Amino acid sequence: MNTKLVSSIEAATRSRLRMVTVDTLLQEVARLLSSTQISLVVVCDQAGVMVGVVTKTNLVRQIGHCKGTASTSTAAEMMTRDVTFCRATDCLTEVLSMMQTRGFVHVPVIDAEGRPSGVVNARDALRELVAEGQYEEALLRDYVMGVGYR
């Protein structure tokens, strides 16, 4: 049974975290989103609390709606405000299930104060859960075969 927490992939979640403020211009958000493995940027207020996210889809939609004024758009204008998030203490299996149900590839991780601490990527979560399953399988196989008990 997988009991891994989101915190078990903390290094990966931290490496994917990109943050901007509500007044960050579209060009800067686009630059961050153009990085490999980054599809979500967390938008924070002046206190560092998450107030929304900008995805590549949000960015494309904003550019499509702007008629030559896209360069003056800010993160606040294109962000998704009702954000689904998780916490480091959440069960990784449950987070992955929620991501699958809602069709998410990335979900922000926030602390008790609402400050972002990382971004869970479905691939990282799956990799961790598969590794745990393989380890458990090896332990059971060794136990049944009597390896290490002679």
N, C-alpha and C. Protein backbone atom coordinates (compact mmCIF):
# COMPACT_ATOMS: atom_id res chain seq x y z
N MET A 1 0.84 -1.18 0.00
CA MET A 1 0.00 0.00 0.00
C MET A 1 0.89 1.25 0.00
N ASN A 2 0.64 2.16 -0.91
CA ASN A 2 1.43 3.37 -1.01
C ASN A 2 0.99 4.38 0.05
N THR A 3 1.95 4.76 0.89
CA THR A 3 1.67 5.73 1.95
C THR A 3 2.55 6.96 1.82
N LYS A 4 3.17 7.11 0.70
CA LYS A 4 4.06 8.25 0.48
C LYS A 4 3.30 9.56 0.55
N LEU A 5 3.95 10.56 1.11
CA LEU A 5 3.37 11.90 1.18
C LEU A 5 3.97 12.77 0.08
N VAL A 6 3.31 13.87 -0.18
CA VAL A 6 3.82 14.83 -1.17
C VAL A 6 5.24 15.26 -0.79
N SER A 7 5.52 15.34 0.50
CA SER A 7 6.85 15.75 0.96
C SER A 7 7.95 14.80 0.50
N SER A 8 7.60 13.57 0.12
CA SER A 8 8.61 12.61 -0.33
C SER A 8 9.22 12.99 -1.67
N ILE A 9 8.57 13.89 -2.40
CA ILE A 9 9.13 14.36 -3.68
C ILE A 9 9.42 15.87 -3.60
N GLU A 10 9.77 16.32 -2.40
CA GLU A 10 9.99 17.75 -2.17
C GLU A 10 11.02 18.36 -3.10
N ALA A 11 12.12 17.67 -3.34
CA ALA A 11 13.16 18.23 -4.22
C ALA A 11 12.60 18.49 -5.61
N ALA A 12 11.82 17.55 -6.12
CA ALA A 12 11.23 17.73 -7.46
C ALA A 12 10.20 18.85 -7.45
N THR A 13 9.37 18.92 -6.40
CA THR A 13 8.33 19.97 -6.37
C THR A 13 8.96 21.35 -6.27
N ARG A 14 10.02 21.47 -5.49
CA ARG A 14 10.70 22.77 -5.36
C ARG A 14 11.34 23.19 -6.67
N SER A 15 11.90 22.23 -7.41
CA SER A 15 12.58 22.57 -8.66
C SER A 15 11.61 23.06 -9.73
N ARG A 16 10.35 22.73 -9.61
CA ARG A 16 9.34 23.14 -10.59
C ARG A 16 8.62 24.43 -10.21
N LEU A 17 8.88 24.95 -9.03
CA LEU A 17 8.17 26.14 -8.55
C LEU A 17 8.72 27.42 -9.20
N ARG A 18 7.84 28.14 -9.86
CA ARG A 18 8.13 29.46 -10.40
C ARG A 18 7.04 30.39 -9.90
N MET A 19 7.43 31.53 -9.34
CA MET A 19 6.46 32.46 -8.77
C MET A 19 6.61 33.84 -9.39
N VAL A 20 5.47 34.53 -9.50
CA VAL A 20 5.44 35.91 -9.96
C VAL A 20 4.46 36.66 -9.07
N THR A 21 4.49 37.99 -9.18
CA THR A 21 3.51 38.80 -8.46
C THR A 21 2.36 39.14 -9.40
N VAL A 22 1.29 39.68 -8.84
CA VAL A 22 0.10 39.97 -9.65
C VAL A 22 0.38 40.99 -10.75
N ASP A 23 1.38 41.84 -10.56
CA ASP A 23 1.66 42.88 -11.55
C ASP A 23 2.76 42.50 -12.55
N THR A 24 3.20 41.25 -12.53
CA THR A 24 4.20 40.78 -13.49
C THR A 24 3.61 40.79 -14.90
N LEU A 25 4.38 41.33 -15.84
CA LEU A 25 3.90 41.44 -17.22
C LEU A 25 3.88 40.10 -17.95
N LEU A 26 3.04 40.02 -18.94
CA LEU A 26 2.84 38.83 -19.76
C LEU A 26 4.16 38.29 -20.31
N GLN A 27 5.05 39.17 -20.76
CA GLN A 27 6.32 38.70 -21.34
C GLN A 27 7.14 37.90 -20.34
N GLU A 28 7.18 38.36 -19.09
CA GLU A 28 7.95 37.65 -18.06
C GLU A 28 7.31 36.30 -17.75
N VAL A 29 5.99 36.27 -17.65
CA VAL A 29 5.28 35.02 -17.41
C VAL A 29 5.55 34.05 -18.57
N ALA A 30 5.51 34.55 -19.80
CA ALA A 30 5.77 33.73 -20.98
C ALA A 30 7.19 33.18 -20.95
N ARG A 31 8.15 33.99 -20.53
CA ARG A 31 9.54 33.54 -20.44
C ARG A 31 9.66 32.38 -19.45
N LEU A 32 9.01 32.50 -18.31
CA LEU A 32 9.05 31.43 -17.31
C LEU A 32 8.37 30.16 -17.83
N LEU A 33 7.24 30.32 -18.50
CA LEU A 33 6.51 29.17 -19.01
C LEU A 33 7.20 28.50 -20.20
N SER A 34 8.12 29.20 -20.84
CA SER A 34 8.82 28.61 -21.98
C SER A 34 9.92 27.65 -21.55
N SER A 35 10.24 27.63 -20.26
CA SER A 35 11.24 26.70 -19.75
C SER A 35 10.74 25.27 -19.86
N THR A 36 11.64 24.36 -20.13
CA THR A 36 11.29 22.95 -20.18
C THR A 36 10.77 22.51 -18.82
N GLN A 37 9.75 21.68 -18.83
CA GLN A 37 9.16 21.11 -17.62
C GLN A 37 8.34 22.09 -16.78
N ILE A 38 8.14 23.31 -17.25
CA ILE A 38 7.35 24.29 -16.50
C ILE A 38 6.08 24.59 -17.29
N SER A 39 4.93 24.28 -16.71
CA SER A 39 3.65 24.55 -17.37
C SER A 39 2.71 25.36 -16.49
N LEU A 40 3.19 25.73 -15.31
CA LEU A 40 2.36 26.45 -14.36
C LEU A 40 3.24 27.41 -13.56
N VAL A 41 2.80 28.66 -13.45
CA VAL A 41 3.48 29.66 -12.65
C VAL A 41 2.52 30.09 -11.55
N VAL A 42 3.00 30.13 -10.32
CA VAL A 42 2.16 30.52 -9.18
C VAL A 42 2.22 32.04 -9.03
N VAL A 43 1.04 32.66 -8.89
CA VAL A 43 0.94 34.10 -8.71
C VAL A 43 0.72 34.38 -7.22
N CYS A 44 1.55 35.26 -6.66
CA CYS A 44 1.48 35.57 -5.22
C CYS A 44 1.22 37.05 -5.00
N ASP A 45 0.62 37.35 -3.85
CA ASP A 45 0.44 38.75 -3.47
C ASP A 45 1.73 39.26 -2.83
N GLN A 46 1.72 40.48 -2.34
CA GLN A 46 2.94 41.08 -1.77
C GLN A 46 3.43 40.33 -0.53
N ALA A 47 2.54 39.62 0.15
CA ALA A 47 2.92 38.85 1.34
C ALA A 47 3.44 37.46 0.99
N GLY A 48 3.44 37.11 -0.29
CA GLY A 48 3.91 35.80 -0.72
C GLY A 48 2.86 34.71 -0.67
N VAL A 49 1.61 35.10 -0.48
CA VAL A 49 0.51 34.14 -0.43
C VAL A 49 -0.02 33.90 -1.85
N MET A 50 -0.28 32.64 -2.18
CA MET A 50 -0.78 32.30 -3.51
C MET A 50 -2.19 32.88 -3.71
N VAL A 51 -2.35 33.59 -4.83
CA VAL A 51 -3.67 34.16 -5.17
C VAL A 51 -4.18 33.62 -6.50
N GLY A 52 -3.34 32.86 -7.21
CA GLY A 52 -3.75 32.30 -8.49
C GLY A 52 -2.60 31.58 -9.16
N VAL A 53 -2.88 31.05 -10.35
CA VAL A 53 -1.85 30.42 -11.17
C VAL A 53 -2.05 30.84 -12.62
N VAL A 54 -0.97 30.83 -13.35
CA VAL A 54 -1.04 31.06 -14.80
C VAL A 54 -0.47 29.82 -15.47
N THR A 55 -1.23 29.26 -16.39
CA THR A 55 -0.79 28.10 -17.16
C THR A 55 -0.51 28.54 -18.60
N LYS A 56 0.07 27.64 -19.36
CA LYS A 56 0.31 27.95 -20.78
C LYS A 56 -1.02 28.22 -21.48
N THR A 57 -2.06 27.52 -21.08
CA THR A 57 -3.39 27.74 -21.67
C THR A 57 -3.89 29.15 -21.36
N ASN A 58 -3.72 29.60 -20.10
CA ASN A 58 -4.12 30.97 -19.74
C ASN A 58 -3.39 31.99 -20.61
N LEU A 59 -2.10 31.75 -20.81
CA LEU A 59 -1.27 32.66 -21.59
C LEU A 59 -1.74 32.75 -23.03
N VAL A 60 -1.98 31.61 -23.65
CA VAL A 60 -2.44 31.59 -25.04
C VAL A 60 -3.80 32.26 -25.16
N ARG A 61 -4.70 31.99 -24.21
CA ARG A 61 -6.02 32.61 -24.22
C ARG A 61 -5.91 34.13 -24.12
N GLN A 62 -5.03 34.62 -23.25
CA GLN A 62 -4.85 36.06 -23.08
C GLN A 62 -4.32 36.71 -24.36
N ILE A 63 -3.35 36.07 -24.98
CA ILE A 63 -2.80 36.61 -26.23
C ILE A 63 -3.88 36.63 -27.31
N GLY A 64 -4.72 35.59 -27.34
CA GLY A 64 -5.78 35.52 -28.33
C GLY A 64 -6.84 36.59 -28.17
N HIS A 65 -7.09 37.02 -26.93
CA HIS A 65 -8.10 38.04 -26.66
C HIS A 65 -7.58 39.46 -26.82
N CYS A 66 -6.28 39.63 -26.75
CA CYS A 66 -5.69 40.97 -26.84
C CYS A 66 -5.48 41.34 -28.30
N LYS A 67 -5.77 42.54 -28.60
CA LYS A 67 -5.58 43.03 -29.98
C LYS A 67 -4.42 44.04 -29.98
N GLY A 68 -3.21 43.50 -29.92
CA GLY A 68 -2.03 44.36 -29.96
C GLY A 68 -1.64 44.92 -28.61
N THR A 69 -2.40 44.62 -27.56
CA THR A 69 -2.07 45.16 -26.24
C THR A 69 -1.62 44.08 -25.27
N ALA A 70 -1.30 42.91 -25.79
CA ALA A 70 -0.91 41.79 -24.92
C ALA A 70 0.30 42.13 -24.07
N SER A 71 1.19 42.97 -24.57
CA SER A 71 2.41 43.27 -23.84
C SER A 71 2.16 44.04 -22.55
N THR A 72 0.99 44.63 -22.40
CA THR A 72 0.68 45.36 -21.16
C THR A 72 -0.15 44.53 -20.19
N SER A 73 -0.50 43.31 -20.56
CA SER A 73 -1.28 42.43 -19.69
C SER A 73 -0.43 41.98 -18.51
N THR A 74 -1.08 41.82 -17.36
CA THR A 74 -0.38 41.36 -16.16
C THR A 74 -0.86 39.97 -15.76
N ALA A 75 -0.12 39.37 -14.84
CA ALA A 75 -0.49 38.04 -14.35
C ALA A 75 -1.89 38.05 -13.76
N ALA A 76 -2.26 39.14 -13.09
CA ALA A 76 -3.59 39.24 -12.47
C ALA A 76 -4.71 39.14 -13.50
N GLU A 77 -4.46 39.62 -14.71
CA GLU A 77 -5.48 39.62 -15.75
C GLU A 77 -5.69 38.24 -16.38
N MET A 78 -4.70 37.39 -16.33
CA MET A 78 -4.82 36.10 -17.01
C MET A 78 -4.82 34.90 -16.08
N MET A 79 -4.65 35.12 -14.78
CA MET A 79 -4.53 33.99 -13.85
C MET A 79 -5.87 33.33 -13.56
N THR A 80 -5.78 32.06 -13.19
CA THR A 80 -6.91 31.31 -12.66
C THR A 80 -6.91 31.57 -11.16
N ARG A 81 -8.03 32.04 -10.63
CA ARG A 81 -8.09 32.43 -9.21
C ARG A 81 -8.53 31.29 -8.29
N ASP A 82 -9.40 30.43 -8.77
CA ASP A 82 -9.89 29.32 -7.97
C ASP A 82 -8.95 28.14 -8.19
N VAL A 83 -7.92 28.07 -7.37
CA VAL A 83 -6.82 27.12 -7.59
C VAL A 83 -6.99 25.86 -6.75
N THR A 84 -6.84 24.72 -7.40
CA THR A 84 -6.77 23.45 -6.69
C THR A 84 -5.33 23.27 -6.25
N PHE A 85 -5.13 22.95 -4.99
CA PHE A 85 -3.77 22.83 -4.44
C PHE A 85 -3.69 21.62 -3.53
N CYS A 86 -2.48 21.32 -3.08
CA CYS A 86 -2.28 20.27 -2.09
C CYS A 86 -1.28 20.77 -1.06
N ARG A 87 -1.07 19.97 -0.05
CA ARG A 87 -0.11 20.30 1.01
C ARG A 87 0.94 19.18 1.08
N ALA A 88 2.09 19.49 1.64
CA ALA A 88 3.19 18.53 1.73
C ALA A 88 2.79 17.30 2.54
N THR A 89 1.82 17.43 3.43
CA THR A 89 1.38 16.33 4.28
C THR A 89 0.28 15.47 3.65
N ASP A 90 -0.14 15.81 2.44
CA ASP A 90 -1.17 15.03 1.75
C ASP A 90 -0.58 13.74 1.20
N CYS A 91 -1.40 12.72 1.11
CA CYS A 91 -1.00 11.43 0.55
C CYS A 91 -0.80 11.58 -0.96
N LEU A 92 0.34 11.15 -1.43
CA LEU A 92 0.68 11.30 -2.85
C LEU A 92 -0.31 10.56 -3.75
N THR A 93 -0.77 9.40 -3.31
CA THR A 93 -1.75 8.64 -4.09
C THR A 93 -3.04 9.42 -4.26
N GLU A 94 -3.50 10.06 -3.19
CA GLU A 94 -4.74 10.84 -3.25
C GLU A 94 -4.58 12.07 -4.14
N VAL A 95 -3.43 12.72 -4.06
CA VAL A 95 -3.17 13.89 -4.90
C VAL A 95 -3.15 13.48 -6.36
N LEU A 96 -2.48 12.38 -6.67
CA LEU A 96 -2.42 11.90 -8.05
C LEU A 96 -3.81 11.52 -8.56
N SER A 97 -4.61 10.90 -7.72
CA SER A 97 -5.98 10.55 -8.10
C SER A 97 -6.80 11.80 -8.41
N MET A 98 -6.66 12.82 -7.57
CA MET A 98 -7.36 14.09 -7.79
C MET A 98 -6.90 14.73 -9.10
N MET A 99 -5.60 14.68 -9.35
CA MET A 99 -5.06 15.25 -10.58
C MET A 99 -5.63 14.54 -11.80
N GLN A 100 -5.72 13.22 -11.72
CA GLN A 100 -6.26 12.44 -12.84
C GLN A 100 -7.73 12.77 -13.05
N THR A 101 -8.50 12.84 -11.98
CA THR A 101 -9.93 13.13 -12.07
C THR A 101 -10.18 14.50 -12.70
N ARG A 102 -9.37 15.47 -12.33
CA ARG A 102 -9.58 16.84 -12.82
C ARG A 102 -8.78 17.18 -14.07
N GLY A 103 -7.96 16.24 -14.52
CA GLY A 103 -7.20 16.46 -15.75
C GLY A 103 -6.02 17.39 -15.59
N PHE A 104 -5.42 17.42 -14.38
CA PHE A 104 -4.27 18.29 -14.12
C PHE A 104 -2.97 17.53 -14.29
N VAL A 105 -1.96 18.23 -14.77
CA VAL A 105 -0.61 17.68 -14.84
C VAL A 105 0.23 18.27 -13.72
N HIS A 106 -0.10 19.48 -13.29
CA HIS A 106 0.62 20.18 -12.23
C HIS A 106 -0.36 20.70 -11.18
N VAL A 107 0.04 20.63 -9.91
CA VAL A 107 -0.76 21.18 -8.82
C VAL A 107 0.20 21.84 -7.83
N PRO A 108 -0.09 23.10 -7.44
CA PRO A 108 0.78 23.77 -6.48
C PRO A 108 0.69 23.15 -5.09
N VAL A 109 1.80 23.19 -4.38
CA VAL A 109 1.86 22.76 -2.98
C VAL A 109 1.96 24.04 -2.16
N ILE A 110 1.07 24.18 -1.16
CA ILE A 110 1.14 25.37 -0.30
C ILE A 110 1.28 24.96 1.16
N ASP A 111 1.82 25.88 1.96
CA ASP A 111 1.96 25.63 3.39
C ASP A 111 0.70 26.12 4.12
N ALA A 112 0.72 26.08 5.44
CA ALA A 112 -0.44 26.45 6.24
C ALA A 112 -0.83 27.91 6.08
N GLU A 113 0.12 28.76 5.71
CA GLU A 113 -0.15 30.19 5.52
C GLU A 113 -0.56 30.52 4.09
N GLY A 114 -0.61 29.52 3.23
CA GLY A 114 -0.99 29.75 1.84
C GLY A 114 0.16 30.13 0.93
N ARG A 115 1.38 29.99 1.44
CA ARG A 115 2.56 30.31 0.63
C ARG A 115 2.99 29.07 -0.16
N PRO A 116 3.30 29.23 -1.43
CA PRO A 116 3.71 28.08 -2.24
C PRO A 116 5.07 27.54 -1.83
N SER A 117 5.18 26.20 -1.82
CA SER A 117 6.46 25.57 -1.50
C SER A 117 6.92 24.63 -2.62
N GLY A 118 6.07 24.44 -3.63
CA GLY A 118 6.44 23.58 -4.74
C GLY A 118 5.30 23.39 -5.71
N VAL A 119 5.55 22.58 -6.72
CA VAL A 119 4.53 22.21 -7.71
C VAL A 119 4.67 20.71 -7.98
N VAL A 120 3.60 19.96 -7.69
CA VAL A 120 3.60 18.52 -7.97
C VAL A 120 3.37 18.32 -9.45
N ASN A 121 4.21 17.49 -10.05
CA ASN A 121 4.06 17.08 -11.45
C ASN A 121 3.60 15.63 -11.42
N ALA A 122 2.61 15.28 -12.22
CA ALA A 122 2.07 13.92 -12.23
C ALA A 122 3.15 12.88 -12.50
N ARG A 123 4.07 13.18 -13.39
CA ARG A 123 5.13 12.23 -13.73
C ARG A 123 6.02 11.96 -12.52
N ASP A 124 6.38 13.00 -11.77
CA ASP A 124 7.21 12.82 -10.57
C ASP A 124 6.48 11.97 -9.53
N ALA A 125 5.18 12.24 -9.36
CA ALA A 125 4.38 11.49 -8.39
C ALA A 125 4.30 10.01 -8.79
N LEU A 126 4.03 9.76 -10.06
CA LEU A 126 3.96 8.37 -10.54
C LEU A 126 5.29 7.65 -10.37
N ARG A 127 6.37 8.33 -10.70
CA ARG A 127 7.71 7.73 -10.58
C ARG A 127 7.97 7.31 -9.13
N GLU A 128 7.62 8.16 -8.18
CA GLU A 128 7.83 7.86 -6.77
C GLU A 128 6.96 6.68 -6.31
N LEU A 129 5.71 6.67 -6.73
CA LEU A 129 4.81 5.59 -6.33
C LEU A 129 5.20 4.25 -6.95
N VAL A 130 5.65 4.26 -8.19
CA VAL A 130 6.11 3.03 -8.84
C VAL A 130 7.36 2.51 -8.13
N ALA A 131 8.27 3.40 -7.78
CA ALA A 131 9.50 2.99 -7.09
C ALA A 131 9.16 2.35 -5.74
N GLU A 132 8.21 2.93 -5.02
CA GLU A 132 7.81 2.35 -3.74
C GLU A 132 7.18 0.97 -3.95
N GLY A 133 6.34 0.84 -4.96
CA GLY A 133 5.72 -0.45 -5.26
C GLY A 133 6.74 -1.51 -5.61
N GLN A 134 7.75 -1.14 -6.38
CA GLN A 134 8.80 -2.09 -6.75
C GLN A 134 9.61 -2.52 -5.53
N TYR A 135 9.86 -1.59 -4.61
CA TYR A 135 10.60 -1.90 -3.39
C TYR A 135 9.79 -2.88 -2.53
N GLU A 136 8.49 -2.60 -2.37
CA GLU A 136 7.62 -3.49 -1.59
C GLU A 136 7.55 -4.88 -2.21
N GLU A 137 7.49 -4.93 -3.53
CA GLU A 137 7.46 -6.21 -4.24
C GLU A 137 8.74 -7.00 -3.99
N ALA A 138 9.87 -6.33 -4.03
CA ALA A 138 11.16 -6.99 -3.79
C ALA A 138 11.23 -7.52 -2.35
N LEU A 139 10.75 -6.74 -1.39
CA LEU A 139 10.75 -7.20 0.00
C LEU A 139 9.90 -8.45 0.17
N LEU A 140 8.71 -8.45 -0.43
CA LEU A 140 7.83 -9.62 -0.33
C LEU A 140 8.45 -10.84 -1.01
N ARG A 141 9.04 -10.63 -2.17
CA ARG A 141 9.67 -11.73 -2.90
C ARG A 141 10.81 -12.32 -2.06
N ASP A 142 11.65 -11.46 -1.48
CA ASP A 142 12.76 -11.93 -0.66
C ASP A 142 12.25 -12.67 0.58
N TYR A 143 11.18 -12.19 1.15
CA TYR A 143 10.60 -12.83 2.33
C TYR A 143 10.09 -14.23 1.98
N VAL A 144 9.34 -14.33 0.89
CA VAL A 144 8.79 -15.61 0.46
C VAL A 144 9.90 -16.59 0.09
N MET A 145 10.94 -16.10 -0.55
CA MET A 145 12.05 -16.95 -0.99
C MET A 145 13.03 -17.24 0.14
N GLY A 146 12.87 -16.56 1.28
CA GLY A 146 13.75 -16.80 2.41
C GLY A 146 15.11 -16.14 2.29
N VAL A 147 15.25 -15.19 1.37
CA VAL A 147 16.52 -14.51 1.19
C VAL A 147 16.82 -13.68 2.43
N GLY A 148 18.02 -13.84 2.96
CA GLY A 148 18.42 -13.06 4.12
C GLY A 148 18.02 -13.67 5.44
N TYR A 149 17.39 -14.84 5.40
CA TYR A 149 16.94 -15.48 6.64
C TYR A 149 17.63 -16.82 6.87
N ARG A 150 18.75 -17.04 6.25
CA ARG A 150 19.44 -18.33 6.39
C ARG A 150 20.53 -18.24 7.39
